[in-house]
Amino acid sequence: MPQPFMTPMGAEILFLLNGTLRSLPELFSLLRYEAGDIRRCIRDLSQKWLINLVDERVTLTFTGHILANKIRAALPAQYGREISPVGECPSGNQSDWVLDPEAREKAFRDLFQSNPWLELLPDQPLLPDDGTGQWKTGISMGSWGTSCPGEGDTPLDDLFRTSVVIQNFGLFLMIHTIEALPSELAERLGDLYQARLVSEIPVDFKQNFDFYLDIIRQAEKIRGVSTWATPGIAFEMGKRILHGADVELIITPELAETLLSAPYRQIALNLIGLSNLRFRISQVPVEAGLTVTDRHLSLGLFIKKGHQYNKYYDLISTAPRALAWGWDLYRYYQQNSLPADEFFARING
């Protein structure tokens, strides 16, 4: 069974909702499908956290909006990419297929018929290729041709990557504040399509962060953005610094105060003056827990309810596209931070 967002009807519904709120009767009038089929598709899209349905009124969620943008960009060139869901093109030229439900339906059917792999996303989450030419679900990469979709830089590749991320991590994205990420990076969530979700649930009230410590131990270059710390992580980071790893950490003013107190103070005193360790203080709200190294990306987010950082789940990846995404997120925080000495000079001066 194709995922609801990777069918002509589901994609058309997302497209029609892009940038606007619509009532169910309005959607029924715009779509050339049976009302019962439309209702089922809307229900399925809601269960994937792509749309909100309240009092017969339908809107996109944040991830739904991202996916709708990818669908719009991937429409075949002959139908035009500068179209609006209804009305006129931004250029002022009428777009007949937008206004004509039959032509619009054909556009979406053509999109999927020309790219049948769009409907090959299975019911179970995809996992990264393990080098055998097979996804873990058993779908051969040969089903898509000579290479797996997502590897290129076309709008269709971007649509595939984003669809995989939504399928694999839909619930994770729904309960976390991804909308707080810089907009250009939120739009590139598909770059994380080869990531895996790692959980570190405390046992007997003890949380070891073993997967994260392994990332630190393997790194020669470490960049981090954080609102919190543990003595175990600080100790392991200190060992890597003493072994020559180049480390730059962006922290909040509150965390800076914590690191100047026990039990972190002695670790800090042992490392002060080393040229391969630099602290910066963020000047913008930190809405993610990020570590990006020469080998790994580790990304944690805040839970929407209560706006509390979720220490228990991280997205981890070693894929080049994900690493580039992580470095770009780090640069955003770096550009909005001050060196620690300059920050403290300002507040003390």
Protein backbone atom coordinates (compact mmCIF):
# COMPACT_ATOMS: atom_id res chain seq x y z
CA MET A 1 0.00 0.00 0.00
CA PRO A 2 1.46 3.40 -0.95
CA GLN A 3 1.73 5.97 1.78
CA PRO A 4 -1.22 8.42 1.59
CA PHE A 5 1.04 11.38 0.85
CA MET A 6 2.66 9.48 -2.02
CA THR A 7 -0.49 8.98 -4.10
CA PRO A 8 -1.93 11.35 -6.71
CA MET A 9 -4.92 12.17 -4.47
CA GLY A 10 -2.87 12.71 -1.31
CA ALA A 11 -0.31 14.85 -3.10
CA GLU A 12 -3.06 16.94 -4.70
CA ILE A 13 -4.75 17.51 -1.33
CA LEU A 14 -1.47 18.68 0.21
CA PHE A 15 -0.89 20.92 -2.78
CA LEU A 16 -4.34 22.49 -2.51
CA LEU A 17 -3.82 23.19 1.20
CA ASN A 18 -0.44 24.84 0.72
CA GLY A 19 -0.69 28.33 2.20
CA THR A 20 -4.40 28.24 2.95
CA LEU A 21 -7.15 26.79 5.12
CA ARG A 22 -9.96 24.98 3.32
CA SER A 23 -13.27 23.50 4.39
CA LEU A 24 -14.13 19.92 3.51
CA PRO A 25 -16.91 21.03 1.11
CA GLU A 26 -14.38 23.24 -0.67
CA LEU A 27 -11.96 20.32 -1.08
CA PHE A 28 -14.79 18.12 -2.35
CA SER A 29 -15.54 20.75 -5.02
CA LEU A 30 -11.89 21.06 -6.06
CA LEU A 31 -11.10 17.34 -6.30
CA ARG A 32 -12.31 14.85 -8.90
CA TYR A 33 -12.65 11.94 -6.48
CA GLU A 34 -15.52 10.39 -4.55
CA ALA A 35 -16.27 12.13 -1.26
CA GLY A 36 -15.72 8.91 0.70
CA ASP A 37 -12.28 8.42 -0.86
CA ILE A 38 -11.36 12.03 -0.07
CA ARG A 39 -12.42 11.62 3.55
CA ARG A 40 -10.35 8.45 3.90
CA CYS A 41 -7.30 10.13 2.38
CA ILE A 42 -7.70 13.13 4.70
CA ARG A 43 -7.96 10.78 7.65
CA ASP A 44 -4.79 8.96 6.56
CA LEU A 45 -2.91 12.23 6.04
CA SER A 46 -4.00 13.33 9.52
CA GLN A 47 -2.68 10.08 10.99
CA LYS A 48 0.68 10.88 9.38
CA TRP A 49 0.63 14.30 11.12
CA LEU A 50 0.59 16.16 7.81
CA ILE A 51 -2.78 17.91 8.17
CA ASN A 52 -5.05 19.12 10.95
CA LEU A 53 -8.80 18.58 10.67
CA VAL A 54 -10.88 20.65 13.08
CA ASP A 55 -14.60 21.34 12.67
CA GLU A 56 -14.57 20.28 9.01
CA ARG A 57 -11.72 22.72 8.30
CA VAL A 58 -8.39 21.42 7.03
CA THR A 59 -4.92 22.96 7.33
CA LEU A 60 -1.36 21.73 6.87
CA THR A 61 0.90 20.97 9.79
CA PHE A 62 4.47 22.27 9.70
CA THR A 63 5.79 19.03 8.17
CA GLY A 64 2.80 18.97 5.82
CA HIS A 65 3.74 22.41 4.59
CA ILE A 66 7.33 21.28 3.94
CA LEU A 67 6.12 18.25 1.98
CA ALA A 68 3.60 20.33 0.02
CA ASN A 69 6.44 22.63 -1.06
CA LYS A 70 8.41 19.62 -2.33
CA ILE A 71 5.38 18.30 -4.24
CA ARG A 72 4.85 21.67 -5.87
CA ALA A 73 8.52 21.89 -6.91
CA ALA A 74 8.44 18.35 -8.35
CA LEU A 75 5.48 18.89 -10.68
CA PRO A 76 6.43 18.18 -14.30
CA ALA A 77 7.93 21.19 -16.01
CA GLN A 78 5.22 21.31 -18.66
CA TYR A 79 2.71 22.27 -15.98
CA GLY A 80 4.84 25.10 -14.62
CA ARG A 81 6.36 25.47 -11.19
CA GLU A 82 5.32 29.03 -10.50
CA ILE A 83 1.68 28.09 -10.10
CA SER A 84 -0.56 28.70 -7.12
CA PRO A 85 -3.01 26.07 -5.86
CA VAL A 86 -5.88 28.26 -7.15
CA GLY A 87 -5.96 31.49 -9.09
CA GLU A 88 -3.21 32.91 -11.24
CA CYS A 89 0.51 32.39 -11.60
CA PRO A 90 2.63 35.02 -9.85
CA SER A 91 3.55 36.28 -13.34
CA GLY A 92 -0.10 37.05 -14.05
CA ASN A 93 -0.46 34.37 -16.74
CA GLN A 94 -3.47 32.14 -16.30
CA SER A 95 -2.63 28.53 -15.44
CA ASP A 96 -5.53 26.57 -16.92
CA TRP A 97 -4.73 23.30 -15.21
CA VAL A 98 -4.82 24.97 -11.80
CA LEU A 99 -8.30 26.26 -12.46
CA ASP A 100 -9.49 23.10 -14.21
CA PRO A 101 -9.86 20.11 -11.82
CA GLU A 102 -9.52 17.61 -14.66
CA ALA A 103 -6.23 19.08 -15.90
CA ARG A 104 -4.92 19.39 -12.35
CA GLU A 105 -5.78 15.76 -11.58
CA LYS A 106 -3.98 14.69 -14.76
CA ALA A 107 -0.88 16.62 -13.67
CA PHE A 108 -0.64 14.61 -10.47
CA ARG A 109 -1.37 11.31 -12.17
CA ASP A 110 1.37 12.07 -14.70
CA LEU A 111 3.77 12.90 -11.89
CA PHE A 112 3.31 9.47 -10.33
CA GLN A 113 3.09 7.51 -13.58
CA SER A 114 6.35 9.06 -14.79
CA ASN A 115 8.05 8.30 -11.46
CA PRO A 116 6.56 5.04 -10.16
CA TRP A 117 9.10 4.79 -7.36
CA LEU A 118 7.22 7.61 -5.60
CA GLU A 119 4.62 5.01 -4.61
CA LEU A 120 7.16 2.36 -3.57
CA LEU A 121 7.58 3.62 -0.02
CA PRO A 122 6.45 0.59 2.03
CA ASP A 123 4.23 0.56 5.09
CA GLN A 124 7.21 -0.03 7.38
CA PRO A 125 9.97 2.59 7.82
CA LEU A 126 12.86 2.49 5.40
CA LEU A 127 16.35 2.00 6.74
CA PRO A 128 19.62 3.07 5.08
CA ASP A 129 21.12 0.82 2.44
CA ASP A 130 23.66 -1.57 3.96
CA GLY A 131 25.77 -1.90 0.82
CA THR A 132 23.98 -4.98 -0.55
CA GLY A 133 21.77 -3.07 -2.97
CA GLN A 134 18.73 -3.79 -0.83
CA TRP A 135 16.80 -1.59 1.54
CA LYS A 136 16.06 -3.42 4.77
CA THR A 137 12.43 -3.77 3.69
CA GLY A 138 13.45 -5.88 0.71
CA ILE A 139 12.81 -3.32 -2.03
CA SER A 140 15.61 -3.56 -4.55
CA MET A 141 17.27 -0.35 -5.62
CA GLY A 142 16.86 -1.76 -9.12
CA SER A 143 13.17 -0.97 -8.80
CA TRP A 144 14.15 2.66 -9.31
CA GLY A 145 16.73 2.21 -12.04
CA THR A 146 20.50 2.51 -11.85
CA SER A 147 20.61 4.39 -8.56
CA CYS A 148 18.46 4.95 -5.53
CA PRO A 149 16.29 8.09 -5.69
CA GLY A 150 17.40 10.76 -3.29
CA GLU A 151 21.03 10.72 -4.35
CA GLY A 152 20.66 13.58 -6.82
CA ASP A 153 19.75 17.23 -6.53
CA THR A 154 16.54 17.36 -8.57
CA PRO A 155 13.16 18.35 -7.07
CA LEU A 156 12.12 14.70 -7.39
CA ASP A 157 15.12 13.55 -5.35
CA ASP A 158 14.25 16.16 -2.74
CA LEU A 159 10.64 14.96 -2.65
CA PHE A 160 11.78 11.37 -2.14
CA ARG A 161 14.18 12.29 0.67
CA THR A 162 11.57 14.38 2.45
CA SER A 163 9.00 11.58 2.11
CA VAL A 164 11.40 9.07 3.67
CA VAL A 165 12.07 11.40 6.62
CA ILE A 166 8.35 11.92 7.21
CA GLN A 167 7.70 8.19 7.02
CA ASN A 168 10.59 7.23 9.29
CA PHE A 169 10.34 10.02 11.83
CA GLY A 170 6.79 11.40 11.51
CA LEU A 171 5.91 11.03 15.19
CA PHE A 172 9.31 12.33 16.30
CA LEU A 173 8.87 15.43 14.13
CA MET A 174 5.29 15.95 15.28
CA ILE A 175 6.05 16.10 19.00
CA HIS A 176 9.22 18.18 18.69
CA THR A 177 9.73 21.86 17.83
CA ILE A 178 11.18 21.50 14.33
CA GLU A 179 9.48 24.77 13.41
CA ALA A 180 12.00 26.49 15.70
CA LEU A 181 14.86 25.46 13.40
CA PRO A 182 16.07 28.05 10.86
CA SER A 183 13.56 27.93 8.02
CA GLU A 184 16.10 27.08 5.33
CA LEU A 185 17.26 24.04 7.33
CA ALA A 186 13.73 22.94 8.22
CA GLU A 187 13.02 22.95 4.47
CA ARG A 188 16.02 20.64 4.06
CA LEU A 189 14.85 18.00 6.54
CA GLY A 190 15.02 15.52 3.68
CA ASP A 191 18.80 15.66 3.97
CA LEU A 192 18.39 13.47 7.07
CA TYR A 193 16.75 10.65 5.11
CA GLN A 194 19.57 8.19 5.89
CA ALA A 195 19.55 8.94 9.62
CA ARG A 196 18.37 6.58 12.34
CA LEU A 197 16.54 7.39 15.54
CA VAL A 198 18.47 6.29 18.62
CA SER A 199 16.91 6.04 22.06
CA GLU A 200 18.75 6.12 25.38
CA ILE A 201 16.14 5.36 28.02
CA PRO A 202 17.47 5.44 31.61
CA VAL A 203 17.78 2.10 33.38
CA ASP A 204 17.59 2.26 37.18
CA PHE A 205 17.59 6.06 36.83
CA LYS A 206 20.99 5.94 35.12
CA GLN A 207 21.47 7.24 31.59
CA ASN A 208 24.85 6.36 30.09
CA PHE A 209 24.58 8.02 26.65
CA ASP A 210 26.75 5.21 25.27
CA PHE A 211 25.92 5.95 21.61
CA TYR A 212 26.83 9.61 22.10
CA LEU A 213 30.08 8.87 23.93
CA ASP A 214 31.10 6.61 21.04
CA ILE A 215 30.61 9.53 18.65
CA ILE A 216 32.88 11.71 20.80
CA ARG A 217 35.56 9.03 21.09
CA GLN A 218 35.81 8.65 17.32
CA ALA A 219 35.97 12.37 16.52
CA GLU A 220 38.95 14.49 15.50
CA LYS A 221 36.83 17.62 15.03
CA ILE A 222 33.83 18.35 17.25
CA ARG A 223 31.30 21.16 17.05
CA GLY A 224 28.45 21.31 19.50
CA VAL A 225 25.41 23.38 20.43
CA SER A 226 23.84 22.62 23.78
CA THR A 227 21.67 23.78 26.66
CA TRP A 228 22.76 21.05 29.10
CA ALA A 229 25.66 18.81 30.11
CA THR A 230 26.52 15.76 32.21
CA PRO A 231 29.79 15.05 34.04
CA GLY A 232 30.28 11.89 31.96
CA ILE A 233 29.99 13.74 28.66
CA ALA A 234 32.22 16.56 29.92
CA PHE A 235 34.86 14.05 31.03
CA GLU A 236 34.85 12.22 27.68
CA MET A 237 34.99 15.50 25.79
CA GLY A 238 37.91 16.57 27.95
CA LYS A 239 39.82 13.40 27.10
CA ARG A 240 39.37 14.00 23.38
CA ILE A 241 40.58 17.60 23.78
CA LEU A 242 43.70 16.43 25.62
CA HIS A 243 44.32 13.98 22.76
CA GLY A 244 44.27 16.85 20.27
CA ALA A 245 40.68 16.92 18.97
CA ASP A 246 39.62 20.38 17.79
CA VAL A 247 36.52 21.36 19.75
CA GLU A 248 34.25 24.40 19.59
CA LEU A 249 31.11 24.48 21.73
CA ILE A 250 28.24 26.96 21.60
CA ILE A 251 26.31 27.04 24.85
CA THR A 252 23.61 29.12 26.48
CA PRO A 253 24.43 31.74 29.13
CA GLU A 254 22.73 29.48 31.69
CA LEU A 255 24.91 26.51 30.78
CA ALA A 256 28.00 28.72 30.94
CA GLU A 257 27.23 29.40 34.60
CA THR A 258 26.74 25.68 35.22
CA LEU A 259 30.12 24.81 33.71
CA LEU A 260 31.82 27.26 36.08
CA SER A 261 30.40 25.35 39.05
CA ALA A 262 31.01 21.87 40.52
CA PRO A 263 31.34 19.18 39.28
CA TYR A 264 32.42 20.78 35.97
CA ARG A 265 34.72 23.48 37.29
CA GLN A 266 37.75 21.24 37.78
CA ILE A 267 37.42 19.79 34.27
CA ALA A 268 37.23 23.33 32.88
CA LEU A 269 40.30 24.45 34.83
CA ASN A 270 42.29 21.53 33.41
CA LEU A 271 41.43 22.59 29.85
CA ILE A 272 41.60 26.39 30.02
CA GLY A 273 44.29 27.78 27.75
CA LEU A 274 44.30 24.91 25.27
CA SER A 275 44.15 26.30 21.74
CA ASN A 276 42.00 23.42 20.46
CA LEU A 277 39.09 24.25 22.80
CA ARG A 278 36.85 27.27 22.26
CA PHE A 279 33.57 28.28 23.87
CA ARG A 280 31.00 30.59 22.36
CA ILE A 281 27.83 31.91 23.99
CA SER A 282 24.64 31.88 21.93
CA GLN A 283 22.85 35.16 21.38
CA VAL A 284 19.68 33.47 20.11
CA PRO A 285 17.45 30.85 21.75
CA VAL A 286 18.97 27.40 21.36
CA GLU A 287 16.26 25.11 20.02
CA ALA A 288 18.33 22.00 19.35
CA GLY A 289 21.02 19.80 20.81
CA LEU A 290 23.57 19.42 18.05
CA THR A 291 26.87 17.62 17.77
CA VAL A 292 28.53 17.41 14.38
CA THR A 293 31.96 15.90 13.92
CA ASP A 294 34.15 14.82 11.05
CA ARG A 295 32.23 11.51 11.09
CA HIS A 296 28.84 11.88 12.75
CA LEU A 297 25.76 14.03 13.18
CA SER A 298 23.75 13.83 16.40
CA LEU A 299 20.58 15.93 16.61
CA GLY A 300 18.20 16.27 19.54
CA LEU A 301 15.18 18.55 19.81
CA PHE A 302 12.81 20.11 22.30
CA ILE A 303 9.42 18.55 23.03
CA LYS A 304 6.59 20.91 22.15
CA LYS A 305 4.62 20.17 25.30
CA GLY A 306 6.40 22.00 28.09
CA HIS A 307 9.26 23.01 25.77
CA GLN A 308 11.66 20.62 27.46
CA TYR A 309 14.75 19.20 25.79
CA ASN A 310 14.34 15.50 25.01
CA LYS A 311 17.52 13.78 26.20
CA TYR A 312 16.24 10.34 25.30
CA TYR A 313 16.06 10.46 21.49
CA ASP A 314 18.59 11.60 18.90
CA LEU A 315 18.77 11.41 15.14
CA ILE A 316 22.17 9.97 14.21
CA SER A 317 23.80 9.83 10.79
CA THR A 318 27.14 9.41 9.06
CA ALA A 319 25.78 10.20 5.58
CA PRO A 320 27.52 13.10 3.78
CA ARG A 321 24.27 14.95 3.10
CA ALA A 322 23.27 14.77 6.77
CA LEU A 323 26.73 15.91 7.90
CA ALA A 324 26.52 18.93 5.56
CA TRP A 325 23.09 19.74 7.05
CA GLY A 326 24.55 19.53 10.56
CA TRP A 327 27.48 21.79 9.72
CA ASP A 328 25.10 24.35 8.22
CA LEU A 329 22.98 24.32 11.40
CA TYR A 330 26.14 24.77 13.45
CA ARG A 331 27.19 27.75 11.33
CA TYR A 332 23.80 29.36 11.95
CA TYR A 333 24.38 29.25 15.71
CA GLN A 334 28.03 30.24 15.29
CA GLN A 335 27.00 33.37 13.38
CA ASN A 336 24.62 34.22 16.21
CA SER A 337 27.05 33.77 19.10
CA LEU A 338 29.97 35.53 20.79
CA PRO A 339 33.32 34.18 21.97
CA ALA A 340 33.00 33.43 25.68
CA ASP A 341 35.56 36.04 26.77
CA GLU A 342 33.80 38.75 24.75
CA PHE A 343 30.42 37.72 26.16
CA PHE A 344 31.60 37.87 29.79
CA ALA A 345 33.44 41.14 29.15
CA ARG A 346 30.19 42.68 27.92
CA ILE A 347 28.08 41.52 30.85
CA ASN A 348 30.75 42.51 33.39
CA GLY A 349 31.59 45.80 31.76
